[in-house]
Amino acid sequence: MSLNDLPTELLLNILSFLDNLDHVSSTNRTLSTTSRDLQVSQLRGKLAQIPHADLLMRIWSPPSFFRRDGYGRRQTQHVHASQPQDLINMLCDPAVVPRVEAYIDSLHNKARVAQQVAEFLVTMVSFNGFRNHDDRMSFASTVVIHLWSAQQRYSHDTDGYIASLLEGYVFRDLCARDQYLMDLSADTQGWLVACYNALSQYLRPPFVRREQHGEGMWLQRAIARGGMQAVLGMLHQRAGRH
């Protein structure tokens, strides 16, 4: 698959979650083929600019969008995009485009935060085996996204997840208990442990009482509560940046 094809495939993935669109024939009258082509091009261009968009989409899946009929009732017909040509048809509905744009913008913001946290990480961890700074930054960003995934994966019961993080745990324990982390390669798990430990130790003062020892789960709790936005805020505060 070429780089030019990838954003289209990702868009089809997004649009497969869309619910209840009017039949394409009713919207063909409102948008010209040229306009639809432009929408596709613009959305593909936005996706192409997001680093690790495929990984972000696997963790933060596209939402389902519902439309209401004239009586305010939510209809339930499900429409899926399965072929590249379906992409234009789905984007005929003017109500869909801003919602897809908002979702893509949310991915862009997450990628930006992950990259900013990665900028700190590459100064803390020696990413041996990577050829240059760009490769180190790219891989460090994926590590940040994997760490961040806990917030999304346990958002249905954040308090319950936090309560399960016993103080005696270390991050390596989670790699043997959390199915998402268990499914990652042993090499990736090793990097996750190294990066988590580095962040935990760097941020411990002033965010954890000095009398506490060991790695602990305080950072994992912070990620579950506030995501990497919270971690980035702590990093800036620790470094004296505003």
C-alpha atoms as a PDB file:
ATOM      1  CA  MET A   1       0.000   0.000   0.000  1.00  0.00           C
ATOM      2  CA  SER A   2       1.414   3.387  -0.975  1.00  0.00           C
ATOM      3  CA  LEU A   3       1.428   6.398   1.293  1.00  0.00           C
ATOM      4  CA  ASN A   4      -1.161   8.011  -0.950  1.00  0.00           C
ATOM      5  CA  ASP A   5      -3.493   5.046  -0.508  1.00  0.00           C
ATOM      6  CA  LEU A   6      -3.165   4.887   3.274  1.00  0.00           C
ATOM      7  CA  PRO A   7      -5.254   7.961   4.126  1.00  0.00           C
ATOM      8  CA  THR A   8      -8.063   6.671   1.909  1.00  0.00           C
ATOM      9  CA  GLU A   9      -8.050   3.356   3.739  1.00  0.00           C
ATOM     10  CA  LEU A  10      -8.122   5.202   7.063  1.00  0.00           C
ATOM     11  CA  LEU A  11     -10.990   7.353   5.882  1.00  0.00           C
ATOM     12  CA  LEU A  12     -12.920   4.267   4.883  1.00  0.00           C
ATOM     13  CA  ASN A  13     -12.278   2.937   8.370  1.00  0.00           C
ATOM     14  CA  ILE A  14     -13.663   6.130   9.878  1.00  0.00           C
ATOM     15  CA  LEU A  15     -16.680   6.189   7.615  1.00  0.00           C
ATOM     16  CA  SER A  16     -17.509   2.553   8.310  1.00  0.00           C
ATOM     17  CA  PHE A  17     -18.604   3.740  11.764  1.00  0.00           C
ATOM     18  CA  LEU A  18     -21.076   6.257  10.388  1.00  0.00           C
ATOM     19  CA  ASP A  19     -24.707   5.440  10.975  1.00  0.00           C
ATOM     20  CA  ASN A  20     -27.924   6.348   9.287  1.00  0.00           C
ATOM     21  CA  LEU A  21     -26.963   8.445   6.318  1.00  0.00           C
ATOM     22  CA  ASP A  22     -29.619   9.435   3.810  1.00  0.00           C
ATOM     23  CA  HIS A  23     -29.491   7.501   0.590  1.00  0.00           C
ATOM     24  CA  VAL A  24     -26.822   8.885  -1.672  1.00  0.00           C
ATOM     25  CA  SER A  25     -29.302   9.763  -4.427  1.00  0.00           C
ATOM     26  CA  SER A  26     -30.946  12.391  -2.222  1.00  0.00           C
ATOM     27  CA  THR A  27     -27.663  14.158  -1.538  1.00  0.00           C
ATOM     28  CA  ASN A  28     -26.175  13.960  -5.007  1.00  0.00           C
ATOM     29  CA  ARG A  29     -28.381  16.909  -5.847  1.00  0.00           C
ATOM     30  CA  THR A  30     -26.748  19.141  -3.224  1.00  0.00           C
ATOM     31  CA  LEU A  31     -23.062  18.559  -3.800  1.00  0.00           C
ATOM     32  CA  SER A  32     -21.346  18.424  -7.142  1.00  0.00           C
ATOM     33  CA  THR A  33     -18.879  15.714  -7.988  1.00  0.00           C
ATOM     34  CA  THR A  34     -16.128  18.321  -7.936  1.00  0.00           C
ATOM     35  CA  SER A  35     -17.059  19.377  -4.427  1.00  0.00           C
ATOM     36  CA  ARG A  36     -17.072  15.787  -3.245  1.00  0.00           C
ATOM     37  CA  ASP A  37     -13.686  15.157  -4.810  1.00  0.00           C
ATOM     38  CA  LEU A  38     -12.355  18.239  -3.026  1.00  0.00           C
ATOM     39  CA  GLN A  39     -13.708  17.017   0.331  1.00  0.00           C
ATOM     40  CA  VAL A  40     -12.052  13.651  -0.164  1.00  0.00           C
ATOM     41  CA  SER A  41      -8.760  15.277  -1.112  1.00  0.00           C
ATOM     42  CA  GLN A  42      -8.804  17.606   1.879  1.00  0.00           C
ATOM     43  CA  LEU A  43      -9.645  14.874   4.382  1.00  0.00           C
ATOM     44  CA  ARG A  44      -7.034  12.531   2.927  1.00  0.00           C
ATOM     45  CA  GLY A  45      -4.513  15.354   3.151  1.00  0.00           C
ATOM     46  CA  LYS A  46      -5.304  15.913   6.832  1.00  0.00           C
ATOM     47  CA  LEU A  47      -4.933  12.231   7.619  1.00  0.00           C
ATOM     48  CA  ALA A  48      -1.659  12.033   5.714  1.00  0.00           C
ATOM     49  CA  GLN A  49      -0.189  14.714   7.984  1.00  0.00           C
ATOM     50  CA  ILE A  50      -0.938  12.818  11.220  1.00  0.00           C
ATOM     51  CA  PRO A  51       1.971  10.662  12.409  1.00  0.00           C
ATOM     52  CA  HIS A  52       0.886   7.155  13.456  1.00  0.00           C
ATOM     53  CA  ALA A  53      -2.718   7.800  12.437  1.00  0.00           C
ATOM     54  CA  ASP A  54      -3.389   4.084  12.024  1.00  0.00           C
ATOM     55  CA  LEU A  55      -2.257   3.331  15.587  1.00  0.00           C
ATOM     56  CA  LEU A  56      -4.241   6.258  16.982  1.00  0.00           C
ATOM     57  CA  MET A  57      -7.352   5.045  15.167  1.00  0.00           C
ATOM     58  CA  ARG A  58      -6.989   1.539  16.546  1.00  0.00           C
ATOM     59  CA  ILE A  59      -7.025   2.939  20.077  1.00  0.00           C
ATOM     60  CA  TRP A  60      -9.434   5.847  19.631  1.00  0.00           C
ATOM     61  CA  SER A  61     -11.891   4.287  17.220  1.00  0.00           C
ATOM     62  CA  PRO A  62     -14.124   6.558  15.155  1.00  0.00           C
ATOM     63  CA  PRO A  63     -17.404   7.377  16.884  1.00  0.00           C
ATOM     64  CA  SER A  64     -20.777   6.411  15.481  1.00  0.00           C
ATOM     65  CA  PHE A  65     -22.718   9.357  14.129  1.00  0.00           C
ATOM     66  CA  PHE A  66     -26.505   9.225  14.178  1.00  0.00           C
ATOM     67  CA  ARG A  67     -28.991  11.400  12.359  1.00  0.00           C
ATOM     68  CA  ARG A  68     -32.500  12.138  13.544  1.00  0.00           C
ATOM     69  CA  ASP A  69     -35.604  12.151  11.435  1.00  0.00           C
ATOM     70  CA  GLY A  70     -38.027  15.052  11.268  1.00  0.00           C
ATOM     71  CA  TYR A  71     -39.709  13.944  14.479  1.00  0.00           C
ATOM     72  CA  GLY A  72     -36.509  13.919  16.495  1.00  0.00           C
ATOM     73  CA  ARG A  73     -36.323  10.127  16.574  1.00  0.00           C
ATOM     74  CA  ARG A  74     -32.980   8.522  16.004  1.00  0.00           C
ATOM     75  CA  GLN A  75     -33.029   6.087  13.118  1.00  0.00           C
ATOM     76  CA  THR A  76     -31.016   2.897  13.244  1.00  0.00           C
ATOM     77  CA  GLN A  77     -30.120   1.976   9.665  1.00  0.00           C
ATOM     78  CA  HIS A  78     -26.422   1.183   9.426  1.00  0.00           C
ATOM     79  CA  VAL A  79     -24.386   2.186   6.372  1.00  0.00           C
ATOM     80  CA  HIS A  80     -20.824   1.034   5.770  1.00  0.00           C
ATOM     81  CA  ALA A  81     -18.100   2.139   3.373  1.00  0.00           C
ATOM     82  CA  SER A  82     -16.232  -0.906   2.128  1.00  0.00           C
ATOM     83  CA  GLN A  83     -14.837   0.178  -1.237  1.00  0.00           C
ATOM     84  CA  PRO A  84     -12.791   3.258  -2.208  1.00  0.00           C
ATOM     85  CA  GLN A  85     -15.606   4.478  -4.452  1.00  0.00           C
ATOM     86  CA  ASP A  86     -17.931   4.440  -1.438  1.00  0.00           C
ATOM     87  CA  LEU A  87     -15.846   7.203   0.080  1.00  0.00           C
ATOM     88  CA  ILE A  88     -17.240   9.906  -2.192  1.00  0.00           C
ATOM     89  CA  ASN A  89     -20.796   8.645  -1.731  1.00  0.00           C
ATOM     90  CA  MET A  90     -20.555   8.781   2.053  1.00  0.00           C
ATOM     91  CA  LEU A  91     -19.211  12.313   1.939  1.00  0.00           C
ATOM     92  CA  CYS A  92     -22.178  13.493  -0.099  1.00  0.00           C
ATOM     93  CA  ASP A  93     -24.005  14.136   3.152  1.00  0.00           C
ATOM     94  CA  PRO A  94     -23.058  17.654   4.298  1.00  0.00           C
ATOM     95  CA  ALA A  95     -23.785  16.685   7.932  1.00  0.00           C
ATOM     96  CA  VAL A  96     -21.041  14.064   7.865  1.00  0.00           C
ATOM     97  CA  VAL A  97     -18.029  16.108   6.807  1.00  0.00           C
ATOM     98  CA  PRO A  98     -17.701  18.376   9.890  1.00  0.00           C
ATOM     99  CA  ARG A  99     -18.030  15.367  12.163  1.00  0.00           C
ATOM    100  CA  VAL A 100     -15.327  13.472  10.325  1.00  0.00           C
ATOM    101  CA  GLU A 101     -13.173  16.613  10.397  1.00  0.00           C
ATOM    102  CA  ALA A 102     -13.665  16.928  14.168  1.00  0.00           C
ATOM    103  CA  TYR A 103     -12.588  13.317  14.663  1.00  0.00           C
ATOM    104  CA  ILE A 104      -9.514  13.773  12.458  1.00  0.00           C
ATOM    105  CA  ASP A 105      -8.654  16.957  14.369  1.00  0.00           C
ATOM    106  CA  SER A 106      -8.813  14.979  17.625  1.00  0.00           C
ATOM    107  CA  LEU A 107      -6.308  12.483  16.201  1.00  0.00           C
ATOM    108  CA  HIS A 108      -4.061  15.358  15.130  1.00  0.00           C
ATOM    109  CA  ASN A 109      -4.128  16.828  18.641  1.00  0.00           C
ATOM    110  CA  LYS A 110      -3.250  13.475  20.195  1.00  0.00           C
ATOM    111  CA  ALA A 111      -0.361  13.019  17.769  1.00  0.00           C
ATOM    112  CA  ARG A 112       0.914  16.488  18.673  1.00  0.00           C
ATOM    113  CA  VAL A 113       0.803  15.764  22.409  1.00  0.00           C
ATOM    114  CA  ALA A 114       2.508  12.387  21.889  1.00  0.00           C
ATOM    115  CA  GLN A 115       5.287  14.049  19.923  1.00  0.00           C
ATOM    116  CA  GLN A 116       5.825  16.686  22.605  1.00  0.00           C
ATOM    117  CA  VAL A 117       6.102  14.034  25.323  1.00  0.00           C
ATOM    118  CA  ALA A 118       8.469  12.089  23.035  1.00  0.00           C
ATOM    119  CA  GLU A 119      10.717  15.148  22.840  1.00  0.00           C
ATOM    120  CA  PHE A 120      11.279  14.802  26.586  1.00  0.00           C
ATOM    121  CA  LEU A 121      11.675  11.034  26.396  1.00  0.00           C
ATOM    122  CA  VAL A 122      14.518  11.075  23.900  1.00  0.00           C
ATOM    123  CA  THR A 123      16.533  13.122  26.397  1.00  0.00           C
ATOM    124  CA  MET A 124      15.888  10.562  29.161  1.00  0.00           C
ATOM    125  CA  VAL A 125      16.203   7.215  27.385  1.00  0.00           C
ATOM    126  CA  SER A 126      18.987   6.060  25.071  1.00  0.00           C
ATOM    127  CA  PHE A 127      17.134   4.712  22.063  1.00  0.00           C
ATOM    128  CA  ASN A 128      20.011   2.554  20.867  1.00  0.00           C
ATOM    129  CA  GLY A 129      19.634   0.969  17.477  1.00  0.00           C
ATOM    130  CA  PHE A 130      17.795   3.856  15.853  1.00  0.00           C
ATOM    131  CA  ARG A 131      19.672   5.505  13.037  1.00  0.00           C
ATOM    132  CA  ASN A 132      18.856   9.140  13.622  1.00  0.00           C
ATOM    133  CA  HIS A 133      16.864  11.602  15.681  1.00  0.00           C
ATOM    134  CA  ASP A 134      13.783  11.343  13.465  1.00  0.00           C
ATOM    135  CA  ASP A 135      13.644   7.559  13.906  1.00  0.00           C
ATOM    136  CA  ARG A 136      14.057   7.917  17.662  1.00  0.00           C
ATOM    137  CA  MET A 137      11.320  10.531  17.807  1.00  0.00           C
ATOM    138  CA  SER A 138       8.951   8.434  15.711  1.00  0.00           C
ATOM    139  CA  PHE A 139       9.415   5.351  17.853  1.00  0.00           C
ATOM    140  CA  ALA A 140       9.253   7.319  21.110  1.00  0.00           C
ATOM    141  CA  SER A 141       5.921   8.755  19.932  1.00  0.00           C
ATOM    142  CA  THR A 142       4.521   5.247  19.426  1.00  0.00           C
ATOM    143  CA  VAL A 143       5.662   4.325  22.942  1.00  0.00           C
ATOM    144  CA  VAL A 144       3.817   7.371  24.318  1.00  0.00           C
ATOM    145  CA  ILE A 145       0.664   6.390  22.418  1.00  0.00           C
ATOM    146  CA  HIS A 146       0.817   2.832  23.777  1.00  0.00           C
ATOM    147  CA  LEU A 147       1.203   4.179  27.325  1.00  0.00           C
ATOM    148  CA  TRP A 148      -1.624   6.637  26.738  1.00  0.00           C
ATOM    149  CA  SER A 149      -3.956   3.862  25.555  1.00  0.00           C
ATOM    150  CA  ALA A 150      -4.760   2.913  29.160  1.00  0.00           C
ATOM    151  CA  GLN A 151      -6.885   6.049  29.517  1.00  0.00           C
ATOM    152  CA  GLN A 152      -9.039   5.083  26.552  1.00  0.00           C
ATOM    153  CA  ARG A 153      -9.169   1.360  27.213  1.00  0.00           C
ATOM    154  CA  TYR A 154     -10.287   1.763  30.814  1.00  0.00           C
ATOM    155  CA  SER A 155     -12.392   4.899  30.436  1.00  0.00           C
ATOM    156  CA  HIS A 156     -15.546   2.812  31.070  1.00  0.00           C
ATOM    157  CA  ASP A 157     -14.370   2.282  34.685  1.00  0.00           C
ATOM    158  CA  THR A 158     -11.471   4.589  35.438  1.00  0.00           C
ATOM    159  CA  ASP A 159     -11.955   4.426  39.203  1.00  0.00           C
ATOM    160  CA  GLY A 160     -12.045   0.642  39.151  1.00  0.00           C
ATOM    161  CA  TYR A 161      -8.894   0.471  37.042  1.00  0.00           C
ATOM    162  CA  ILE A 162      -7.040   2.875  39.317  1.00  0.00           C
ATOM    163  CA  ALA A 163      -8.104   0.873  42.380  1.00  0.00           C
ATOM    164  CA  SER A 164      -6.648  -2.263  40.769  1.00  0.00           C
ATOM    165  CA  LEU A 165      -3.174  -0.672  40.483  1.00  0.00           C
ATOM    166  CA  LEU A 166      -1.688  -1.903  43.729  1.00  0.00           C
ATOM    167  CA  GLU A 167       1.201   0.107  45.114  1.00  0.00           C
ATOM    168  CA  GLY A 168       3.499  -2.898  44.991  1.00  0.00           C
ATOM    169  CA  TYR A 169       3.099  -3.187  41.224  1.00  0.00           C
ATOM    170  CA  VAL A 170       5.694  -2.045  38.740  1.00  0.00           C
ATOM    171  CA  PHE A 171       4.992  -1.398  35.084  1.00  0.00           C
ATOM    172  CA  ARG A 172       6.509  -4.741  34.062  1.00  0.00           C
ATOM    173  CA  ASP A 173       3.764  -6.407  36.111  1.00  0.00           C
ATOM    174  CA  LEU A 174       1.173  -4.692  33.925  1.00  0.00           C
ATOM    175  CA  CYS A 175       2.873  -6.057  30.814  1.00  0.00           C
ATOM    176  CA  ALA A 176       2.095  -9.549  32.137  1.00  0.00           C
ATOM    177  CA  ARG A 177      -1.505  -8.731  33.122  1.00  0.00           C
ATOM    178  CA  ASP A 178      -2.866  -6.240  30.579  1.00  0.00           C
ATOM    179  CA  GLN A 179      -3.957  -8.006  27.388  1.00  0.00           C
ATOM    180  CA  TYR A 180      -3.202  -5.013  25.175  1.00  0.00           C
ATOM    181  CA  LEU A 181       0.370  -4.827  26.484  1.00  0.00           C
ATOM    182  CA  MET A 182       0.758  -8.604  26.379  1.00  0.00           C
ATOM    183  CA  ASP A 183      -0.052  -8.583  22.667  1.00  0.00           C
ATOM    184  CA  LEU A 184       2.840  -6.212  21.931  1.00  0.00           C
ATOM    185  CA  SER A 185       6.242  -7.628  21.070  1.00  0.00           C
ATOM    186  CA  ALA A 186       8.687  -8.344  23.892  1.00  0.00           C
ATOM    187  CA  ASP A 187      10.994  -5.682  22.453  1.00  0.00           C
ATOM    188  CA  THR A 188       8.244  -3.062  22.508  1.00  0.00           C
ATOM    189  CA  GLN A 189       7.295  -4.058  26.054  1.00  0.00           C
ATOM    190  CA  GLY A 190      10.915  -3.521  27.084  1.00  0.00           C
ATOM    191  CA  TRP A 191      10.880  -0.009  25.666  1.00  0.00           C
ATOM    192  CA  LEU A 192       7.575   0.710  27.381  1.00  0.00           C
ATOM    193  CA  VAL A 193       9.036  -0.326  30.725  1.00  0.00           C
ATOM    194  CA  ALA A 194      12.162   1.779  30.170  1.00  0.00           C
ATOM    195  CA  CYS A 195      10.180   4.863  29.123  1.00  0.00           C
ATOM    196  CA  TYR A 196       7.595   4.526  31.888  1.00  0.00           C
ATOM    197  CA  ASN A 197      10.347   4.204  34.493  1.00  0.00           C
ATOM    198  CA  ALA A 198      12.203   7.206  33.083  1.00  0.00           C
ATOM    199  CA  LEU A 199       9.082   9.383  33.169  1.00  0.00           C
ATOM    200  CA  SER A 200       8.123   8.158  36.624  1.00  0.00           C
ATOM    201  CA  GLN A 201      11.529   8.908  38.112  1.00  0.00           C
ATOM    202  CA  TYR A 202      11.898  12.270  36.378  1.00  0.00           C
ATOM    203  CA  LEU A 203       8.461  13.466  37.477  1.00  0.00           C
ATOM    204  CA  ARG A 204       8.499  11.973  40.974  1.00  0.00           C
ATOM    205  CA  PRO A 205       9.604  15.251  42.569  1.00  0.00           C
ATOM    206  CA  PRO A 206       7.543  17.368  43.028  1.00  0.00           C
ATOM    207  CA  PHE A 207       4.503  15.257  42.113  1.00  0.00           C
ATOM    208  CA  VAL A 208       5.021  12.376  44.564  1.00  0.00           C
ATOM    209  CA  ARG A 209       5.941  12.526  48.226  1.00  0.00           C
ATOM    210  CA  ARG A 210       9.670  12.102  48.693  1.00  0.00           C
ATOM    211  CA  GLU A 211       9.291   9.394  51.322  1.00  0.00           C
ATOM    212  CA  GLN A 212       7.750   7.034  48.770  1.00  0.00           C
ATOM    213  CA  HIS A 213      10.231   4.665  47.175  1.00  0.00           C
ATOM    214  CA  GLY A 214      10.267   2.506  44.099  1.00  0.00           C
ATOM    215  CA  GLU A 215       8.504   2.953  40.817  1.00  0.00           C
ATOM    216  CA  GLY A 216       4.957   2.376  41.986  1.00  0.00           C
ATOM    217  CA  MET A 217       1.852   3.039  39.966  1.00  0.00           C
ATOM    218  CA  TRP A 218       1.389   6.748  40.594  1.00  0.00           C
ATOM    219  CA  LEU A 219       2.165   7.669  36.972  1.00  0.00           C
ATOM    220  CA  GLN A 220      -0.168   5.004  35.592  1.00  0.00           C
ATOM    221  CA  ARG A 221      -2.922   6.442  37.753  1.00  0.00           C
ATOM    222  CA  ALA A 222      -2.152   9.918  36.399  1.00  0.00           C
ATOM    223  CA  ILE A 223      -2.318   8.640  32.819  1.00  0.00           C
ATOM    224  CA  ALA A 224      -5.640   6.887  33.474  1.00  0.00           C
ATOM    225  CA  ARG A 225      -7.094  10.083  34.928  1.00  0.00           C
ATOM    226  CA  GLY A 226      -5.693  12.765  32.653  1.00  0.00           C
ATOM    227  CA  GLY A 227      -3.980  11.068  29.734  1.00  0.00           C
ATOM    228  CA  MET A 228      -0.755  12.308  28.219  1.00  0.00           C
ATOM    229  CA  GLN A 229      -2.027  15.876  28.331  1.00  0.00           C
ATOM    230  CA  ALA A 230      -1.637  15.669  32.119  1.00  0.00           C
ATOM    231  CA  VAL A 231       1.816  14.102  31.785  1.00  0.00           C
ATOM    232  CA  LEU A 232       2.892  16.818  29.354  1.00  0.00           C
ATOM    233  CA  GLY A 233       1.716  19.468  31.798  1.00  0.00           C
ATOM    234  CA  MET A 234       3.806  17.875  34.538  1.00  0.00           C
ATOM    235  CA  LEU A 235       6.827  17.681  32.241  1.00  0.00           C
ATOM    236  CA  HIS A 236       6.581  21.378  31.437  1.00  0.00           C
ATOM    237  CA  GLN A 237       6.157  22.235  35.117  1.00  0.00           C
ATOM    238  CA  ARG A 238       9.081  20.034  36.140  1.00  0.00           C
ATOM    239  CA  ALA A 239      11.280  21.629  33.496  1.00  0.00           C
ATOM    240  CA  GLY A 240      10.180  25.121  34.537  1.00  0.00           C
ATOM    241  CA  ARG A 241       8.470  25.808  31.221  1.00  0.00           C
ATOM    242  CA  HIS A 242       5.183  27.568  30.705  1.00  0.00           C
END
